[in-house]
Amino acid sequence: MTTTLDLDPVKEAALVASQNDAFRRSILGNILVTDAPQGQFVMTRGVAALGPDAQLALTRSVASFDAFNADSDPQGWHEMGVIDLDGTKVWFKIDGVDAPSHNGIAMCQTGFVGSQ
């Protein structure tokens, strides 16, 4: 991920993590998250095939996920995690892409959920 700002790595990681946390918390659409980046939340066919109840459970789990640690999140960006759904590992990934039509750090976010 890049920004147009020249931040030191620690400050940049904190900024990216804050944006990713805001986006992740906003995906259910039932809680107003101030300054949450706009974006899409998508899932793989495998997750879609699990049915609506599992999709809702996974979406809630992604929105509330906070188990980031140095092993799973070495950059400190809060961009990826794994959730256990009844013995199935489900990974999520948030990709932030600099929007070319915006200055600064306006981000387009895409949340991705896939199963293994």
Protein backbone atom coordinates (compact mmCIF):
# COMPACT_ATOMS: atom_id res chain seq x y z
CA MET A 1 0.00 0.00 0.00
CA THR A 2 1.26 3.47 -0.74
CA THR A 3 0.19 6.92 0.27
CA THR A 4 1.07 10.34 -1.00
CA LEU A 5 2.29 11.21 2.47
CA ASP A 6 5.83 10.50 3.56
CA LEU A 7 5.16 8.86 6.92
CA ASP A 8 7.50 6.87 9.05
CA PRO A 9 6.58 3.15 9.05
CA VAL A 10 5.09 3.17 12.55
CA LYS A 11 2.80 6.14 11.84
CA GLU A 12 1.83 4.71 8.45
CA ALA A 13 0.96 1.33 10.00
CA ALA A 14 -1.20 3.05 12.62
CA LEU A 15 -2.98 5.09 9.94
CA VAL A 16 -3.61 2.08 7.68
CA ALA A 17 -4.77 -0.05 10.62
CA SER A 18 -7.19 2.70 11.67
CA GLN A 19 -8.66 2.89 8.16
CA ASN A 20 -8.92 -0.90 7.86
CA ASP A 21 -10.54 -1.16 11.31
CA ALA A 22 -13.10 1.51 10.38
CA PHE A 23 -13.92 -0.21 7.10
CA ARG A 24 -14.20 -3.63 8.73
CA ARG A 25 -16.52 -2.34 11.47
CA SER A 26 -18.73 -0.61 8.88
CA ILE A 27 -19.45 -3.65 6.67
CA LEU A 28 -22.70 -4.60 8.38
CA GLY A 29 -24.08 -1.13 7.69
CA ASN A 30 -25.97 -0.98 10.97
CA ILE A 31 -23.44 1.09 12.90
CA LEU A 32 -22.30 4.51 11.77
CA VAL A 33 -18.52 4.45 11.66
CA THR A 34 -17.16 7.97 11.38
CA ASP A 35 -14.69 8.39 8.54
CA ALA A 36 -15.01 4.78 7.36
CA PRO A 37 -13.58 4.45 3.85
CA GLN A 38 -16.12 3.56 1.18
CA GLY A 39 -15.69 0.16 -0.39
CA GLN A 40 -17.04 -3.24 -1.28
CA PHE A 41 -17.34 -6.41 0.74
CA VAL A 42 -17.12 -9.53 -1.40
CA MET A 43 -16.87 -13.25 -0.77
CA THR A 44 -15.78 -16.29 -2.73
CA ARG A 45 -18.16 -18.84 -4.22
CA GLY A 46 -17.13 -21.26 -1.50
CA VAL A 47 -18.27 -18.87 1.22
CA ALA A 48 -21.46 -18.05 -0.70
CA ALA A 49 -22.20 -21.78 -0.92
CA LEU A 50 -22.21 -22.02 2.87
CA GLY A 51 -25.61 -20.31 2.86
CA PRO A 52 -27.03 -17.09 4.30
CA ASP A 53 -26.74 -18.04 7.98
CA ALA A 54 -23.03 -18.82 7.66
CA GLN A 55 -22.48 -15.70 5.54
CA LEU A 56 -24.07 -13.53 8.22
CA ALA A 57 -22.07 -15.23 10.98
CA LEU A 58 -18.84 -14.71 9.02
CA THR A 59 -19.67 -11.09 8.22
CA ARG A 60 -20.32 -10.41 11.90
CA SER A 61 -17.06 -12.15 12.80
CA VAL A 62 -15.07 -10.10 10.29
CA ALA A 63 -16.70 -6.86 11.47
CA SER A 64 -15.79 -7.56 15.10
CA PHE A 65 -12.42 -9.25 14.51
CA ASP A 66 -9.63 -7.92 16.71
CA ALA A 67 -7.25 -10.87 17.14
CA PHE A 68 -4.37 -9.28 15.24
CA ASN A 69 -0.88 -10.17 16.45
CA ALA A 70 2.72 -9.98 15.27
CA ASP A 71 2.55 -13.42 13.62
CA SER A 72 -0.63 -12.84 11.61
CA ASP A 73 -0.22 -9.08 11.11
CA PRO A 74 3.52 -8.34 10.86
CA GLN A 75 2.99 -4.94 9.18
CA GLY A 76 0.48 -3.88 11.82
CA TRP A 77 -2.07 -2.92 9.15
CA HIS A 78 -5.03 -5.03 10.40
CA GLU A 79 -5.61 -6.17 6.83
CA MET A 80 -5.89 -9.95 7.14
CA GLY A 81 -7.28 -12.49 9.55
CA VAL A 82 -8.59 -16.00 9.89
CA ILE A 83 -11.86 -17.07 11.48
CA ASP A 84 -12.91 -20.57 12.44
CA LEU A 85 -16.46 -21.38 11.38
CA ASP A 86 -17.40 -24.78 12.74
CA GLY A 87 -13.98 -26.24 11.95
CA THR A 88 -13.58 -24.45 8.59
CA LYS A 89 -10.85 -21.83 8.33
CA VAL A 90 -12.12 -18.70 6.64
CA TRP A 91 -9.61 -16.01 5.69
CA PHE A 92 -10.39 -12.36 5.14
CA LYS A 93 -8.25 -9.70 3.51
CA ILE A 94 -8.75 -5.96 3.19
CA ASP A 95 -7.04 -4.36 0.22
CA GLY A 96 -6.58 -0.62 0.31
CA VAL A 97 -5.85 1.00 -3.02
CA ASP A 98 -4.99 4.66 -3.48
CA ALA A 99 -7.80 6.23 -5.47
CA PRO A 100 -6.17 8.12 -8.36
CA SER A 101 -8.93 10.74 -8.36
CA HIS A 102 -8.25 11.68 -4.74
CA ASN A 103 -5.39 13.43 -3.04
CA GLY A 104 -3.89 12.31 0.23
CA ILE A 105 -4.93 8.98 1.62
CA ALA A 106 -8.48 8.53 0.38
CA MET A 107 -8.82 4.82 0.00
CA CYS A 108 -10.96 2.38 -1.92
CA GLN A 109 -11.38 -0.66 0.26
CA THR A 110 -12.35 -4.17 -0.73
CA GLY A 111 -12.97 -6.80 1.89
CA PHE A 112 -12.41 -10.37 0.66
CA VAL A 113 -13.59 -13.48 2.43
CA GLY A 114 -12.50 -16.92 1.27
CA SER A 115 -12.51 -20.38 2.76
CA GLN A 116 -9.89 -23.11 2.80
